[in-house]
Amino acid sequence: MVDVSKLRETAREIISREDVRELIGYRAGTYGFRARPAFVYDPGEVDQLIFNPACVNNLATYITLEEKLPVPRGQEPDLRKVAVMVKGCDSRALVQQMAENAYERDRILVIGIPCTGVVDMDKVQARFPDVLGPGEISLEGDKFVLIFDGRREEIPKEELLADKCKRCRFPTPLVYDVLLDEEVAPFATDDYSDVEALESRSQDEKWAYWEEKFSRCIRCYSCRNVCPMCYCNDCILDRLRPQWIRRSVDISENTAFHIARAYHLAGRCIQCGECQRVCPVEIPLMELNRKLYKDVEELYDFEPGVKVDAPPLLSSYRPDDPEDFIL
């Protein structure tokens, strides 16, 4: 686990630089064990920064929310760097964003955090539902240690670990300027057993399954807003002329929204799981995203956000591609 004193010392040095305008990291939440994003603009604020297994947010989302060029007439762009803390899975979002020319590499300063796994806060909440005062979570060996209300609880890591961590092959950031700890070797593989279980169902079973899931959707757009790869200023699903999807909340429009979004993420989703984490009605969105992820990997031998110099999947062109499926 990252040494917090080293994290804060590094952050203080970075935010003191003249070419850095802000640092995006983590701080303790307002209640329980939760952590939340922190935006640091001054060296005096770095003591609020933390990193522990509760730091689940993918902070790469905020990079594309920063000032975009060109700026309004009469204003001067602030071209100083934005520093950001990223775990291994988060770093894949940076790689994919830069591959899509969302911003230039020299606009960001990446603080890499080798990760040994984060908790699923829903599992923590289910286990300890009444913790409102400040609590702490740390990882000691193969157990998460939770300290709250004068109590110390040790829970086997497997019981609280986020599902995405159980198949993570990139615990060490793939891109960074500063690495805060030793590299962590991959500790899992992905056999797509969950996707294959879904694929094995009949067509009617699949429709019944997703009809029930999508009927829950309240179209809050949390999944889209938290996704690091949904950064278009003008989302096609919001357009009124032409209007691709109506505003009504029903199974037809909900299905159209989620299918369209899933296809827009094909070859781009980096499996951070943020969409599913924030869904207030618990739709298993990653099952849909992982199905397309698996198809892209099998059909095109491509994984998004893995190779820094790899072009986006849908921007490639081969003159010798036979395209037999056309005829």
C-alpha atoms as a PDB file:
ATOM      1  CA  MET A   1       0.000   0.000   0.000  1.00  0.00           C
ATOM      2  CA  VAL A   2       1.217   3.494  -0.847  1.00  0.00           C
ATOM      3  CA  ASP A   3       2.880   5.423   1.979  1.00  0.00           C
ATOM      4  CA  VAL A   4       0.639   8.443   2.620  1.00  0.00           C
ATOM      5  CA  SER A   5       3.527  10.652   3.781  1.00  0.00           C
ATOM      6  CA  LYS A   6       5.367   9.945   0.528  1.00  0.00           C
ATOM      7  CA  LEU A   7       2.187  10.648  -1.434  1.00  0.00           C
ATOM      8  CA  ARG A   8       1.721  14.027   0.232  1.00  0.00           C
ATOM      9  CA  GLU A   9       5.396  14.970  -0.094  1.00  0.00           C
ATOM     10  CA  THR A  10       5.294  14.154  -3.816  1.00  0.00           C
ATOM     11  CA  ALA A  11       2.015  16.036  -4.234  1.00  0.00           C
ATOM     12  CA  ARG A  12       3.441  19.099  -2.480  1.00  0.00           C
ATOM     13  CA  GLU A  13       6.426  19.159  -4.839  1.00  0.00           C
ATOM     14  CA  ILE A  14       4.196  18.787  -7.886  1.00  0.00           C
ATOM     15  CA  ILE A  15       1.576  21.394  -7.001  1.00  0.00           C
ATOM     16  CA  SER A  16       4.378  23.854  -6.155  1.00  0.00           C
ATOM     17  CA  ARG A  17       5.632  23.732  -9.740  1.00  0.00           C
ATOM     18  CA  GLU A  18       4.857  26.738 -11.901  1.00  0.00           C
ATOM     19  CA  ASP A  19       3.811  24.545 -14.818  1.00  0.00           C
ATOM     20  CA  VAL A  20       1.108  22.693 -12.803  1.00  0.00           C
ATOM     21  CA  ARG A  21      -2.254  24.344 -12.116  1.00  0.00           C
ATOM     22  CA  GLU A  22      -4.034  21.637 -10.103  1.00  0.00           C
ATOM     23  CA  LEU A  23      -3.776  18.103  -8.772  1.00  0.00           C
ATOM     24  CA  ILE A  24      -6.646  15.604  -8.769  1.00  0.00           C
ATOM     25  CA  GLY A  25      -6.446  12.954  -6.060  1.00  0.00           C
ATOM     26  CA  TYR A  26      -8.432  11.418  -3.207  1.00  0.00           C
ATOM     27  CA  ARG A  27      -9.528  12.627   0.209  1.00  0.00           C
ATOM     28  CA  ALA A  28     -11.637  11.134   2.992  1.00  0.00           C
ATOM     29  CA  GLY A  29     -15.375  11.180   2.391  1.00  0.00           C
ATOM     30  CA  THR A  30     -17.976  12.816   4.580  1.00  0.00           C
ATOM     31  CA  TYR A  31     -19.090   9.632   6.321  1.00  0.00           C
ATOM     32  CA  GLY A  32     -18.212   5.992   6.855  1.00  0.00           C
ATOM     33  CA  PHE A  33     -15.352   4.441   4.958  1.00  0.00           C
ATOM     34  CA  ARG A  34     -15.840   6.354   1.738  1.00  0.00           C
ATOM     35  CA  ALA A  35     -13.249   8.368  -0.152  1.00  0.00           C
ATOM     36  CA  ARG A  36     -13.986  11.089  -2.679  1.00  0.00           C
ATOM     37  CA  PRO A  37     -12.143  13.039  -5.370  1.00  0.00           C
ATOM     38  CA  ALA A  38     -10.008  15.951  -4.172  1.00  0.00           C
ATOM     39  CA  PHE A  39      -8.935  18.956  -6.246  1.00  0.00           C
ATOM     40  CA  VAL A  40      -5.780  20.548  -4.907  1.00  0.00           C
ATOM     41  CA  TYR A  41      -4.636  23.992  -6.053  1.00  0.00           C
ATOM     42  CA  ASP A  42      -2.273  24.975  -3.250  1.00  0.00           C
ATOM     43  CA  PRO A  43       0.575  23.204  -1.404  1.00  0.00           C
ATOM     44  CA  GLY A  44      -1.249  23.859   1.871  1.00  0.00           C
ATOM     45  CA  GLU A  45      -4.050  21.534   0.772  1.00  0.00           C
ATOM     46  CA  VAL A  46      -2.002  18.387   0.186  1.00  0.00           C
ATOM     47  CA  ASP A  47      -2.430  17.105   3.746  1.00  0.00           C
ATOM     48  CA  GLN A  48      -5.996  16.142   2.848  1.00  0.00           C
ATOM     49  CA  LEU A  49      -4.780  13.598   0.265  1.00  0.00           C
ATOM     50  CA  ILE A  50      -5.079   9.879   0.975  1.00  0.00           C
ATOM     51  CA  PHE A  51      -4.922   6.548  -0.800  1.00  0.00           C
ATOM     52  CA  ASN A  52      -6.461   3.358   0.545  1.00  0.00           C
ATOM     53  CA  PRO A  53      -8.735   0.528  -0.700  1.00  0.00           C
ATOM     54  CA  ALA A  54     -11.736   2.878  -0.519  1.00  0.00           C
ATOM     55  CA  CYS A  55     -10.310   5.059  -3.328  1.00  0.00           C
ATOM     56  CA  VAL A  56     -12.473   3.495  -6.009  1.00  0.00           C
ATOM     57  CA  ASN A  57     -13.197   6.469  -8.296  1.00  0.00           C
ATOM     58  CA  ASN A  58     -11.572   6.608 -11.713  1.00  0.00           C
ATOM     59  CA  LEU A  59     -10.120  10.118 -11.670  1.00  0.00           C
ATOM     60  CA  ALA A  60      -9.319  10.012 -15.394  1.00  0.00           C
ATOM     61  CA  THR A  61     -12.923  11.121 -15.937  1.00  0.00           C
ATOM     62  CA  TYR A  62     -12.088  14.611 -14.685  1.00  0.00           C
ATOM     63  CA  ILE A  63      -9.265  15.201 -17.157  1.00  0.00           C
ATOM     64  CA  THR A  64     -11.668  15.583 -20.075  1.00  0.00           C
ATOM     65  CA  LEU A  65     -13.884  17.901 -18.015  1.00  0.00           C
ATOM     66  CA  GLU A  66     -11.063  20.408 -17.750  1.00  0.00           C
ATOM     67  CA  GLU A  67     -10.840  23.500 -19.924  1.00  0.00           C
ATOM     68  CA  LYS A  68     -10.953  22.632 -23.604  1.00  0.00           C
ATOM     69  CA  LEU A  69      -9.444  24.638 -26.417  1.00  0.00           C
ATOM     70  CA  PRO A  70     -10.315  27.006 -27.932  1.00  0.00           C
ATOM     71  CA  VAL A  71     -11.420  29.181 -25.024  1.00  0.00           C
ATOM     72  CA  PRO A  72     -14.040  31.941 -25.381  1.00  0.00           C
ATOM     73  CA  ARG A  73     -13.006  35.108 -27.194  1.00  0.00           C
ATOM     74  CA  GLY A  74     -11.085  37.481 -24.962  1.00  0.00           C
ATOM     75  CA  GLN A  75      -9.825  34.764 -22.634  1.00  0.00           C
ATOM     76  CA  GLU A  76      -6.368  33.261 -22.529  1.00  0.00           C
ATOM     77  CA  PRO A  77      -6.033  29.469 -22.218  1.00  0.00           C
ATOM     78  CA  ASP A  78      -4.358  28.095 -19.107  1.00  0.00           C
ATOM     79  CA  LEU A  79      -1.833  25.679 -20.618  1.00  0.00           C
ATOM     80  CA  ARG A  80      -0.351  24.508 -17.357  1.00  0.00           C
ATOM     81  CA  LYS A  81      -0.444  20.780 -16.617  1.00  0.00           C
ATOM     82  CA  VAL A  82      -3.145  18.962 -14.689  1.00  0.00           C
ATOM     83  CA  ALA A  83      -1.691  16.346 -12.318  1.00  0.00           C
ATOM     84  CA  VAL A  84      -3.789  13.254 -11.638  1.00  0.00           C
ATOM     85  CA  MET A  85      -3.465  10.175  -9.433  1.00  0.00           C
ATOM     86  CA  VAL A  86      -4.285   6.918 -11.233  1.00  0.00           C
ATOM     87  CA  LYS A  87      -4.442   3.244 -10.380  1.00  0.00           C
ATOM     88  CA  GLY A  88      -3.593   0.646 -12.993  1.00  0.00           C
ATOM     89  CA  CYS A  89      -7.118   0.322 -14.368  1.00  0.00           C
ATOM     90  CA  ASP A  90      -7.533   4.104 -14.364  1.00  0.00           C
ATOM     91  CA  SER A  91      -4.361   4.570 -16.393  1.00  0.00           C
ATOM     92  CA  ARG A  92      -5.923   2.628 -19.249  1.00  0.00           C
ATOM     93  CA  ALA A  93      -8.463   5.428 -19.591  1.00  0.00           C
ATOM     94  CA  LEU A  94      -5.637   7.954 -19.976  1.00  0.00           C
ATOM     95  CA  VAL A  95      -4.015   5.790 -22.650  1.00  0.00           C
ATOM     96  CA  GLN A  96      -7.267   5.495 -24.591  1.00  0.00           C
ATOM     97  CA  GLN A  97      -8.150   9.169 -24.220  1.00  0.00           C
ATOM     98  CA  MET A  98      -4.761  10.199 -25.587  1.00  0.00           C
ATOM     99  CA  ALA A  99      -5.031   7.660 -28.416  1.00  0.00           C
ATOM    100  CA  GLU A 100      -8.246   9.441 -29.401  1.00  0.00           C
ATOM    101  CA  ASN A 101      -6.514  12.839 -29.220  1.00  0.00           C
ATOM    102  CA  ALA A 102      -8.695  14.030 -26.345  1.00  0.00           C
ATOM    103  CA  TYR A 103      -5.619  15.964 -25.183  1.00  0.00           C
ATOM    104  CA  GLU A 104      -1.860  15.986 -25.612  1.00  0.00           C
ATOM    105  CA  ARG A 105       0.433  13.971 -23.351  1.00  0.00           C
ATOM    106  CA  ASP A 106       2.272  17.084 -22.195  1.00  0.00           C
ATOM    107  CA  ARG A 107      -0.972  18.535 -20.774  1.00  0.00           C
ATOM    108  CA  ILE A 108      -1.076  16.028 -17.910  1.00  0.00           C
ATOM    109  CA  LEU A 109       1.278  14.867 -15.172  1.00  0.00           C
ATOM    110  CA  VAL A 110       0.478  11.322 -14.097  1.00  0.00           C
ATOM    111  CA  ILE A 111       1.062  10.107 -10.541  1.00  0.00           C
ATOM    112  CA  GLY A 112       0.998   6.322 -10.782  1.00  0.00           C
ATOM    113  CA  ILE A 113      -0.258   4.207  -7.883  1.00  0.00           C
ATOM    114  CA  PRO A 114       0.418   0.452  -8.052  1.00  0.00           C
ATOM    115  CA  CYS A 115      -2.795  -1.079  -6.730  1.00  0.00           C
ATOM    116  CA  THR A 116      -3.380  -4.283  -4.786  1.00  0.00           C
ATOM    117  CA  GLY A 117      -7.153  -4.031  -5.058  1.00  0.00           C
ATOM    118  CA  VAL A 118     -10.003  -1.802  -3.904  1.00  0.00           C
ATOM    119  CA  VAL A 119     -13.173  -2.653  -2.025  1.00  0.00           C
ATOM    120  CA  ASP A 120     -16.705  -2.854  -3.354  1.00  0.00           C
ATOM    121  CA  MET A 121     -18.437  -0.238  -1.220  1.00  0.00           C
ATOM    122  CA  ASP A 122     -21.786  -2.006  -1.609  1.00  0.00           C
ATOM    123  CA  LYS A 123     -20.269  -5.092   0.010  1.00  0.00           C
ATOM    124  CA  VAL A 124     -18.827  -2.950   2.804  1.00  0.00           C
ATOM    125  CA  GLN A 125     -22.175  -1.230   3.318  1.00  0.00           C
ATOM    126  CA  ALA A 126     -23.982  -4.569   3.459  1.00  0.00           C
ATOM    127  CA  ARG A 127     -21.513  -5.867   6.046  1.00  0.00           C
ATOM    128  CA  PHE A 128     -21.443  -2.686   8.156  1.00  0.00           C
ATOM    129  CA  PRO A 129     -24.657  -0.780   7.369  1.00  0.00           C
ATOM    130  CA  ASP A 130     -24.762   1.653  10.280  1.00  0.00           C
ATOM    131  CA  VAL A 131     -21.302   3.212  10.162  1.00  0.00           C
ATOM    132  CA  LEU A 132     -21.856   6.957   9.763  1.00  0.00           C
ATOM    133  CA  GLY A 133     -18.849   8.259  11.650  1.00  0.00           C
ATOM    134  CA  PRO A 134     -15.381   8.316  10.091  1.00  0.00           C
ATOM    135  CA  GLY A 135     -13.882   4.921   9.381  1.00  0.00           C
ATOM    136  CA  GLU A 136     -10.647   3.661   7.856  1.00  0.00           C
ATOM    137  CA  ILE A 137      -9.889   0.764   5.524  1.00  0.00           C
ATOM    138  CA  SER A 138      -6.446  -0.707   4.910  1.00  0.00           C
ATOM    139  CA  LEU A 139      -5.076  -3.905   3.439  1.00  0.00           C
ATOM    140  CA  GLU A 140      -2.852  -6.100   5.588  1.00  0.00           C
ATOM    141  CA  GLY A 141      -1.763  -9.277   3.857  1.00  0.00           C
ATOM    142  CA  ASP A 142      -4.856 -11.080   2.615  1.00  0.00           C
ATOM    143  CA  LYS A 143      -7.289  -9.174   4.847  1.00  0.00           C
ATOM    144  CA  PHE A 144      -8.990  -5.803   4.755  1.00  0.00           C
ATOM    145  CA  VAL A 145      -8.785  -4.090   8.137  1.00  0.00           C
ATOM    146  CA  LEU A 146     -11.678  -1.781   9.019  1.00  0.00           C
ATOM    147  CA  ILE A 147     -11.425   0.574  11.968  1.00  0.00           C
ATOM    148  CA  PHE A 148     -14.538   2.430  13.150  1.00  0.00           C
ATOM    149  CA  ASP A 149     -16.316   3.374  16.388  1.00  0.00           C
ATOM    150  CA  GLY A 150     -13.371   2.080  18.410  1.00  0.00           C
ATOM    151  CA  ARG A 151     -13.616  -1.323  16.732  1.00  0.00           C
ATOM    152  CA  ARG A 152     -11.170  -3.206  14.532  1.00  0.00           C
ATOM    153  CA  GLU A 153     -12.544  -5.767  12.093  1.00  0.00           C
ATOM    154  CA  GLU A 154     -10.480  -8.034   9.842  1.00  0.00           C
ATOM    155  CA  ILE A 155     -12.305  -9.349   6.779  1.00  0.00           C
ATOM    156  CA  PRO A 156     -10.825 -11.766   4.213  1.00  0.00           C
ATOM    157  CA  LYS A 157      -9.843  -9.790   1.143  1.00  0.00           C
ATOM    158  CA  GLU A 158     -11.926 -11.951  -1.184  1.00  0.00           C
ATOM    159  CA  GLU A 159     -15.159 -11.054   0.620  1.00  0.00           C
ATOM    160  CA  LEU A 160     -14.953  -7.277   0.067  1.00  0.00           C
ATOM    161  CA  LEU A 161     -12.803  -7.043  -3.061  1.00  0.00           C
ATOM    162  CA  ALA A 162     -14.382  -5.345  -6.076  1.00  0.00           C
ATOM    163  CA  ASP A 163     -15.251  -7.817  -8.818  1.00  0.00           C
ATOM    164  CA  LYS A 164     -13.165  -5.924 -11.379  1.00  0.00           C
ATOM    165  CA  CYS A 165     -10.069  -6.447  -9.221  1.00  0.00           C
ATOM    166  CA  LYS A 166     -10.554 -10.202  -9.296  1.00  0.00           C
ATOM    167  CA  ARG A 167      -9.717 -10.204 -13.012  1.00  0.00           C
ATOM    168  CA  CYS A 168      -7.331  -7.215 -13.181  1.00  0.00           C
ATOM    169  CA  ARG A 169      -4.244  -7.791 -15.318  1.00  0.00           C
ATOM    170  CA  PHE A 170      -2.903  -4.254 -15.044  1.00  0.00           C
ATOM    171  CA  PRO A 171      -2.491  -3.365 -11.338  1.00  0.00           C
ATOM    172  CA  THR A 172       0.491  -1.128 -12.144  1.00  0.00           C
ATOM    173  CA  PRO A 173      -0.264   1.996 -14.198  1.00  0.00           C
ATOM    174  CA  LEU A 174       0.665   1.683 -17.859  1.00  0.00           C
ATOM    175  CA  VAL A 175       1.606   5.344 -18.123  1.00  0.00           C
ATOM    176  CA  TYR A 176       3.024   7.602 -15.418  1.00  0.00           C
ATOM    177  CA  ASP A 177       5.521  10.366 -14.683  1.00  0.00           C
ATOM    178  CA  VAL A 178       5.941   9.436 -11.019  1.00  0.00           C
ATOM    179  CA  LEU A 179       5.402   5.963  -9.556  1.00  0.00           C
ATOM    180  CA  LEU A 180       4.706   6.035  -5.818  1.00  0.00           C
ATOM    181  CA  ASP A 181       5.525   2.421  -5.006  1.00  0.00           C
ATOM    182  CA  GLU A 182       7.025  -0.764  -6.391  1.00  0.00           C
ATOM    183  CA  GLU A 183       5.332  -2.339  -9.389  1.00  0.00           C
ATOM    184  CA  VAL A 184       2.661  -4.924  -8.620  1.00  0.00           C
ATOM    185  CA  ALA A 185       2.737  -8.088 -10.694  1.00  0.00           C
ATOM    186  CA  PRO A 186      -0.552  -9.097 -12.363  1.00  0.00           C
ATOM    187  CA  PHE A 187      -2.436 -11.211  -9.870  1.00  0.00           C
ATOM    188  CA  ALA A 188      -5.410 -12.327 -11.944  1.00  0.00           C
ATOM    189  CA  THR A 189      -6.507 -13.481 -15.366  1.00  0.00           C
ATOM    190  CA  ASP A 190      -9.731 -12.961 -17.260  1.00  0.00           C
ATOM    191  CA  ASP A 191     -11.387 -16.091 -18.610  1.00  0.00           C
ATOM    192  CA  TYR A 192     -14.661 -14.312 -19.520  1.00  0.00           C
ATOM    193  CA  SER A 193     -16.612 -17.014 -17.714  1.00  0.00           C
ATOM    194  CA  ASP A 194     -19.309 -14.483 -16.809  1.00  0.00           C
ATOM    195  CA  VAL A 195     -19.718 -13.467 -20.454  1.00  0.00           C
ATOM    196  CA  GLU A 196     -19.801 -17.075 -21.631  1.00  0.00           C
ATOM    197  CA  ALA A 197     -22.545 -17.848 -19.115  1.00  0.00           C
ATOM    198  CA  LEU A 198     -24.624 -15.053 -20.633  1.00  0.00           C
ATOM    199  CA  GLU A 199     -23.823 -16.175 -24.178  1.00  0.00           C
ATOM    200  CA  SER A 200     -25.017 -19.715 -23.411  1.00  0.00           C
ATOM    201  CA  ARG A 201     -28.581 -18.557 -22.795  1.00  0.00           C
ATOM    202  CA  SER A 202     -31.254 -18.765 -25.472  1.00  0.00           C
ATOM    203  CA  GLN A 203     -32.380 -15.640 -27.314  1.00  0.00           C
ATOM    204  CA  ASP A 204     -35.635 -15.521 -25.347  1.00  0.00           C
ATOM    205  CA  GLU A 205     -33.781 -15.924 -22.059  1.00  0.00           C
ATOM    206  CA  LYS A 206     -31.406 -13.106 -22.964  1.00  0.00           C
ATOM    207  CA  TRP A 207     -34.257 -10.770 -23.843  1.00  0.00           C
ATOM    208  CA  ALA A 208     -36.168 -11.596 -20.672  1.00  0.00           C
ATOM    209  CA  TYR A 209     -33.005 -10.965 -18.654  1.00  0.00           C
ATOM    210  CA  TRP A 210     -32.207  -7.577 -20.176  1.00  0.00           C
ATOM    211  CA  GLU A 211     -35.846  -6.512 -20.328  1.00  0.00           C
ATOM    212  CA  GLU A 212     -36.021  -6.834 -16.562  1.00  0.00           C
ATOM    213  CA  LYS A 213     -32.710  -4.992 -16.091  1.00  0.00           C
ATOM    214  CA  PHE A 214     -33.423  -2.138 -18.493  1.00  0.00           C
ATOM    215  CA  SER A 215     -36.953  -1.667 -17.169  1.00  0.00           C
ATOM    216  CA  ARG A 216     -35.370  -0.447 -13.918  1.00  0.00           C
ATOM    217  CA  CYS A 217     -33.488   2.378 -15.620  1.00  0.00           C
ATOM    218  CA  ILE A 218     -34.552   5.881 -14.550  1.00  0.00           C
ATOM    219  CA  ARG A 219     -32.385   7.562 -17.202  1.00  0.00           C
ATOM    220  CA  CYS A 220     -30.365   9.515 -14.659  1.00  0.00           C
ATOM    221  CA  TYR A 221     -27.348   9.303 -17.004  1.00  0.00           C
ATOM    222  CA  SER A 222     -24.994   8.564 -14.115  1.00  0.00           C
ATOM    223  CA  CYS A 223     -23.393   5.779 -16.165  1.00  0.00           C
ATOM    224  CA  ARG A 224     -22.614   8.157 -19.003  1.00  0.00           C
ATOM    225  CA  ASN A 225     -21.500  11.024 -16.792  1.00  0.00           C
ATOM    226  CA  VAL A 226     -19.013   8.937 -14.800  1.00  0.00           C
ATOM    227  CA  CYS A 227     -17.541   7.109 -17.789  1.00  0.00           C
ATOM    228  CA  PRO A 228     -14.031   8.330 -18.707  1.00  0.00           C
ATOM    229  CA  MET A 229     -14.712   7.481 -22.343  1.00  0.00           C
ATOM    230  CA  CYS A 230     -17.992   9.424 -22.602  1.00  0.00           C
ATOM    231  CA  TYR A 231     -16.483  12.869 -22.998  1.00  0.00           C
ATOM    232  CA  CYS A 232     -18.240  14.275 -26.075  1.00  0.00           C
ATOM    233  CA  ASN A 233     -19.452  17.845 -25.628  1.00  0.00           C
ATOM    234  CA  ASP A 234     -22.448  17.014 -27.796  1.00  0.00           C
ATOM    235  CA  CYS A 235     -23.783  13.523 -27.019  1.00  0.00           C
ATOM    236  CA  ILE A 236     -25.742  12.051 -29.896  1.00  0.00           C
ATOM    237  CA  LEU A 237     -28.198  10.586 -27.398  1.00  0.00           C
ATOM    238  CA  ASP A 238     -29.154  14.122 -26.293  1.00  0.00           C
ATOM    239  CA  ARG A 239     -29.830  15.513 -29.744  1.00  0.00           C
ATOM    240  CA  LEU A 240     -33.301  16.716 -30.653  1.00  0.00           C
ATOM    241  CA  ARG A 241     -32.665  17.281 -34.376  1.00  0.00           C
ATOM    242  CA  PRO A 242     -32.559  14.506 -35.307  1.00  0.00           C
ATOM    243  CA  GLN A 243     -33.908  12.925 -32.146  1.00  0.00           C
ATOM    244  CA  TRP A 244     -32.427   9.465 -31.882  1.00  0.00           C
ATOM    245  CA  ILE A 245     -33.904   8.601 -28.484  1.00  0.00           C
ATOM    246  CA  ARG A 246     -36.929  10.098 -26.755  1.00  0.00           C
ATOM    247  CA  ARG A 247     -36.825  11.368 -23.192  1.00  0.00           C
ATOM    248  CA  SER A 248     -39.497   8.955 -22.036  1.00  0.00           C
ATOM    249  CA  VAL A 249     -38.506   6.324 -19.493  1.00  0.00           C
ATOM    250  CA  ASP A 250     -39.814   3.039 -20.845  1.00  0.00           C
ATOM    251  CA  ILE A 251     -38.342  -0.288 -21.873  1.00  0.00           C
ATOM    252  CA  SER A 252     -38.062   0.651 -25.549  1.00  0.00           C
ATOM    253  CA  GLU A 253     -36.229   3.939 -25.056  1.00  0.00           C
ATOM    254  CA  ASN A 254     -34.139   2.586 -22.179  1.00  0.00           C
ATOM    255  CA  THR A 255     -33.002  -0.357 -24.286  1.00  0.00           C
ATOM    256  CA  ALA A 256     -32.124   1.928 -27.176  1.00  0.00           C
ATOM    257  CA  PHE A 257     -30.079   4.148 -24.870  1.00  0.00           C
ATOM    258  CA  HIS A 258     -28.047   1.342 -23.314  1.00  0.00           C
ATOM    259  CA  ILE A 259     -27.468  -0.561 -26.556  1.00  0.00           C
ATOM    260  CA  ALA A 260     -26.367   2.611 -28.349  1.00  0.00           C
ATOM    261  CA  ARG A 261     -24.034   3.547 -25.526  1.00  0.00           C
ATOM    262  CA  ALA A 262     -22.550   0.045 -25.387  1.00  0.00           C
ATOM    263  CA  TYR A 263     -21.772   0.116 -29.099  1.00  0.00           C
ATOM    264  CA  HIS A 264     -20.215   3.565 -28.795  1.00  0.00           C
ATOM    265  CA  LEU A 265     -17.888   2.045 -26.190  1.00  0.00           C
ATOM    266  CA  ALA A 266     -16.974  -1.024 -28.258  1.00  0.00           C
ATOM    267  CA  GLY A 267     -13.201  -1.033 -28.608  1.00  0.00           C
ATOM    268  CA  ARG A 268     -13.012   1.860 -26.115  1.00  0.00           C
ATOM    269  CA  CYS A 269     -14.296   0.583 -22.750  1.00  0.00           C
ATOM    270  CA  ILE A 270     -11.357  -0.038 -20.407  1.00  0.00           C
ATOM    271  CA  GLN A 271     -13.356  -2.060 -17.854  1.00  0.00           C
ATOM    272  CA  CYS A 272     -13.013   0.310 -14.916  1.00  0.00           C
ATOM    273  CA  GLY A 273     -16.580  -0.578 -13.926  1.00  0.00           C
ATOM    274  CA  GLU A 274     -17.534   2.960 -12.939  1.00  0.00           C
ATOM    275  CA  CYS A 275     -20.834   2.845 -14.853  1.00  0.00           C
ATOM    276  CA  GLN A 276     -22.074  -0.152 -12.906  1.00  0.00           C
ATOM    277  CA  ARG A 277     -20.706   1.173  -9.610  1.00  0.00           C
ATOM    278  CA  VAL A 278     -22.731   4.396  -9.740  1.00  0.00           C
ATOM    279  CA  CYS A 279     -25.970   2.974 -11.138  1.00  0.00           C
ATOM    280  CA  PRO A 280     -28.648   3.701  -8.499  1.00  0.00           C
ATOM    281  CA  VAL A 281     -30.859   0.817  -9.674  1.00  0.00           C
ATOM    282  CA  GLU A 282     -28.055  -1.750  -9.927  1.00  0.00           C
ATOM    283  CA  ILE A 283     -28.168  -2.570 -13.640  1.00  0.00           C
ATOM    284  CA  PRO A 284     -25.235  -4.928 -14.441  1.00  0.00           C
ATOM    285  CA  LEU A 285     -23.907  -2.717 -17.225  1.00  0.00           C
ATOM    286  CA  MET A 286     -20.484  -4.337 -17.274  1.00  0.00           C
ATOM    287  CA  GLU A 287     -22.029  -7.603 -18.462  1.00  0.00           C
ATOM    288  CA  LEU A 288     -23.062  -5.800 -21.634  1.00  0.00           C
ATOM    289  CA  ASN A 289     -19.773  -3.921 -21.992  1.00  0.00           C
ATOM    290  CA  ARG A 290     -17.705  -7.044 -21.349  1.00  0.00           C
ATOM    291  CA  LYS A 291     -19.582  -8.968 -24.027  1.00  0.00           C
ATOM    292  CA  LEU A 292     -18.523  -6.407 -26.625  1.00  0.00           C
ATOM    293  CA  TYR A 293     -15.031  -6.235 -25.111  1.00  0.00           C
ATOM    294  CA  LYS A 294     -14.670  -9.997 -25.563  1.00  0.00           C
ATOM    295  CA  ASP A 295     -15.959  -9.837 -29.150  1.00  0.00           C
ATOM    296  CA  VAL A 296     -13.534  -7.059 -30.069  1.00  0.00           C
ATOM    297  CA  GLU A 297     -10.615  -8.979 -28.593  1.00  0.00           C
ATOM    298  CA  GLU A 298     -11.549 -12.201 -30.417  1.00  0.00           C
ATOM    299  CA  LEU A 299     -12.436 -10.638 -33.767  1.00  0.00           C
ATOM    300  CA  TYR A 300      -9.747  -7.976 -34.002  1.00  0.00           C
ATOM    301  CA  ASP A 301      -7.087  -9.011 -31.469  1.00  0.00           C
ATOM    302  CA  PHE A 302      -7.460  -5.571 -29.884  1.00  0.00           C
ATOM    303  CA  GLU A 303      -7.640  -4.326 -26.305  1.00  0.00           C
ATOM    304  CA  PRO A 304      -8.280  -0.621 -25.665  1.00  0.00           C
ATOM    305  CA  GLY A 305      -6.098   1.390 -23.319  1.00  0.00           C
ATOM    306  CA  VAL A 306      -3.223  -1.097 -23.233  1.00  0.00           C
ATOM    307  CA  LYS A 307      -0.686   0.126 -25.784  1.00  0.00           C
ATOM    308  CA  VAL A 308       0.229   3.776 -25.668  1.00  0.00           C
ATOM    309  CA  ASP A 309       1.100   3.965 -29.359  1.00  0.00           C
ATOM    310  CA  ALA A 310      -1.829   1.866 -30.634  1.00  0.00           C
ATOM    311  CA  PRO A 311      -4.380   3.742 -32.783  1.00  0.00           C
ATOM    312  CA  PRO A 312      -8.070   3.477 -31.861  1.00  0.00           C
ATOM    313  CA  LEU A 313      -9.745   0.346 -33.195  1.00  0.00           C
ATOM    314  CA  LEU A 314     -12.217   2.067 -35.521  1.00  0.00           C
ATOM    315  CA  SER A 315      -9.629   4.442 -36.991  1.00  0.00           C
ATOM    316  CA  SER A 316      -7.588   1.676 -38.620  1.00  0.00           C
ATOM    317  CA  TYR A 317      -7.790   0.828 -42.320  1.00  0.00           C
ATOM    318  CA  ARG A 318      -6.325  -2.037 -44.307  1.00  0.00           C
ATOM    319  CA  PRO A 319      -6.440  -1.894 -48.135  1.00  0.00           C
ATOM    320  CA  ASP A 320      -6.208  -5.699 -48.279  1.00  0.00           C
ATOM    321  CA  ASP A 321      -9.230  -6.264 -46.015  1.00  0.00           C
ATOM    322  CA  PRO A 322     -11.426  -8.614 -48.095  1.00  0.00           C
ATOM    323  CA  GLU A 323     -14.732  -7.621 -46.422  1.00  0.00           C
ATOM    324  CA  ASP A 324     -16.409 -10.799 -47.622  1.00  0.00           C
ATOM    325  CA  PHE A 325     -19.396 -10.099 -45.431  1.00  0.00           C
ATOM    326  CA  ILE A 326     -20.551  -7.312 -47.768  1.00  0.00           C
ATOM    327  CA  LEU A 327     -21.572  -9.701 -50.542  1.00  0.00           C
END
